[in-house]
Amino acid sequence: MKRFLIVDDSSVVRKVAKRILESEGFFVAEASGGTEALGLCRAEMPDTIILDATLPDISAVDFITEVLGIPCEKKPQIAICLVELDVPAIMRAKRAGASSYILKPFNRPQLLKRFREPGMAA
């Protein structure tokens, strides 16, 4: 079963994404900040991380760099989540190791389509 980690300081975003992904049979963990998420990743690395681009406690680039530096068998796919199309932020995240991006607010078809794309597939 594919495991997701949703990292967002908005409980509403986490709740919506979790409901959508769990309805498709995925296991979903949540974190409200980067520090909490890094702890979860060190304990058990998820397959995919949906990462808010503007966390209050750590930059997205720093989070990506740190999580990809954790020794593990398989590195996670990371999708950065933004409220608007910010090409420089997306490029910084991709250079750090993010695989993809998704815009908020997202709906069920958008979220599921994103994780059925090559490189993000279950």
Protein backbone atom coordinates (compact mmCIF):
# COMPACT_ATOMS: atom_id res chain seq x y z
CA MET A 1 0.00 0.00 0.00
CA LYS A 2 1.37 3.40 -0.99
CA ARG A 3 2.06 5.69 1.97
CA PHE A 4 1.56 9.45 1.84
CA LEU A 5 2.60 12.20 4.23
CA ILE A 6 0.69 15.47 4.01
CA VAL A 7 2.64 18.40 5.45
CA ASP A 8 0.55 21.54 5.76
CA ASP A 9 -0.21 23.98 8.58
CA SER A 10 -3.86 24.07 7.45
CA SER A 11 -5.90 21.33 9.09
CA VAL A 12 -8.53 21.78 6.35
CA VAL A 13 -6.04 21.05 3.55
CA ARG A 14 -4.71 18.01 5.42
CA LYS A 15 -8.23 16.72 6.10
CA VAL A 16 -9.41 17.11 2.48
CA ALA A 17 -6.28 15.47 1.02
CA LYS A 18 -6.39 12.67 3.57
CA ARG A 19 -10.04 11.86 2.82
CA ILE A 20 -9.41 11.79 -0.92
CA LEU A 21 -6.31 9.60 -0.71
CA GLU A 22 -7.68 7.22 1.93
CA SER A 23 -10.79 6.67 -0.20
CA GLU A 24 -8.44 5.26 -2.85
CA GLY A 25 -6.90 2.84 -0.35
CA PHE A 26 -3.71 4.75 0.46
CA PHE A 27 -2.28 5.09 3.96
CA VAL A 28 -2.01 8.76 4.92
CA ALA A 29 -0.10 10.41 7.77
CA GLU A 30 -0.28 14.11 8.58
CA ALA A 31 2.06 16.75 9.96
CA SER A 32 1.30 20.41 10.66
CA GLY A 33 4.90 21.53 10.25
CA GLY A 34 8.25 20.62 8.81
CA THR A 35 9.90 19.66 12.07
CA GLU A 36 7.11 17.21 12.91
CA ALA A 37 7.22 15.83 9.35
CA LEU A 38 10.99 15.27 9.48
CA GLY A 39 10.49 13.23 12.66
CA LEU A 40 7.86 11.10 10.93
CA CYS A 41 10.15 10.61 7.93
CA ARG A 42 13.04 9.52 10.15
CA ALA A 43 10.76 6.96 11.83
CA GLU A 44 9.24 5.61 8.60
CA MET A 45 9.81 7.20 5.21
CA PRO A 46 6.60 7.64 3.17
CA ASP A 47 6.43 6.92 -0.55
CA THR A 48 5.07 10.39 -1.35
CA ILE A 49 5.10 13.71 0.49
CA ILE A 50 2.68 16.52 -0.28
CA LEU A 51 4.49 19.59 1.03
CA ASP A 52 3.03 23.03 1.66
CA ALA A 53 5.34 25.59 0.05
CA THR A 54 5.01 28.02 2.97
CA LEU A 55 5.44 26.22 6.27
CA PRO A 56 5.92 28.42 9.34
CA ASP A 57 8.90 26.50 10.77
CA ILE A 58 11.11 25.56 7.80
CA SER A 59 11.44 26.53 4.15
CA ALA A 60 10.25 24.04 1.55
CA VAL A 61 13.75 23.84 0.04
CA ASP A 62 15.35 23.16 3.43
CA PHE A 63 12.73 20.50 4.18
CA ILE A 64 13.27 18.79 0.83
CA THR A 65 17.05 18.83 1.28
CA GLU A 66 16.80 17.40 4.79
CA VAL A 67 14.29 14.69 3.97
CA LEU A 68 16.24 13.52 0.93
CA GLY A 69 19.35 13.38 3.12
CA ILE A 70 17.77 10.86 5.49
CA PRO A 71 19.33 7.44 4.86
CA CYS A 72 16.64 5.10 3.54
CA GLU A 73 16.17 2.40 0.95
CA LYS A 74 13.93 4.42 -1.37
CA LYS A 75 13.65 8.21 -1.54
CA PRO A 76 10.13 9.67 -1.48
CA GLN A 77 8.48 11.52 -4.31
CA ILE A 78 7.78 15.08 -3.17
CA ALA A 79 5.02 17.31 -4.53
CA ILE A 80 5.14 20.94 -3.47
CA CYS A 81 1.71 22.49 -2.88
CA LEU A 82 1.21 26.18 -3.72
CA VAL A 83 -1.69 28.65 -3.67
CA GLU A 84 -0.60 30.26 -6.94
CA LEU A 85 1.62 29.40 -9.85
CA ASP A 86 5.02 30.61 -8.65
CA VAL A 87 7.54 29.38 -11.23
CA PRO A 88 10.66 30.49 -9.28
CA ALA A 89 9.43 28.66 -6.13
CA ILE A 90 8.64 25.56 -8.18
CA MET A 91 12.07 25.64 -9.82
CA ARG A 92 13.83 26.05 -6.43
CA ALA A 93 11.87 23.08 -5.07
CA LYS A 94 12.64 20.97 -8.15
CA ARG A 95 16.35 21.79 -7.93
CA ALA A 96 16.24 20.67 -4.29
CA GLY A 97 14.64 17.37 -5.35
CA ALA A 98 10.86 17.85 -5.58
CA SER A 99 9.21 15.75 -8.26
CA SER A 100 6.09 17.74 -8.95
CA TYR A 101 3.74 20.48 -7.80
CA ILE A 102 0.02 20.92 -7.24
CA LEU A 103 -2.02 24.08 -6.80
CA LYS A 104 -4.45 24.78 -3.95
CA PRO A 105 -7.32 24.53 -3.76
CA PHE A 106 -7.34 21.11 -5.37
CA ASN A 107 -10.23 18.73 -5.85
CA ARG A 108 -10.45 14.96 -5.99
CA PRO A 109 -9.80 14.54 -9.75
CA GLN A 110 -6.84 16.96 -9.67
CA LEU A 111 -5.20 15.31 -6.67
CA LEU A 112 -5.66 11.77 -7.94
CA LYS A 113 -4.49 12.68 -11.45
CA ARG A 114 -1.30 14.20 -10.05
CA PHE A 115 -0.37 10.95 -8.30
CA ARG A 116 -1.14 8.78 -11.30
CA GLU A 117 1.42 10.65 -13.43
CA PRO A 118 4.71 8.98 -14.37
CA GLY A 119 7.18 9.33 -11.52
CA MET A 120 4.37 9.85 -9.03
CA ALA A 121 2.42 6.65 -9.71
CA ALA A 122 1.51 4.14 -7.03
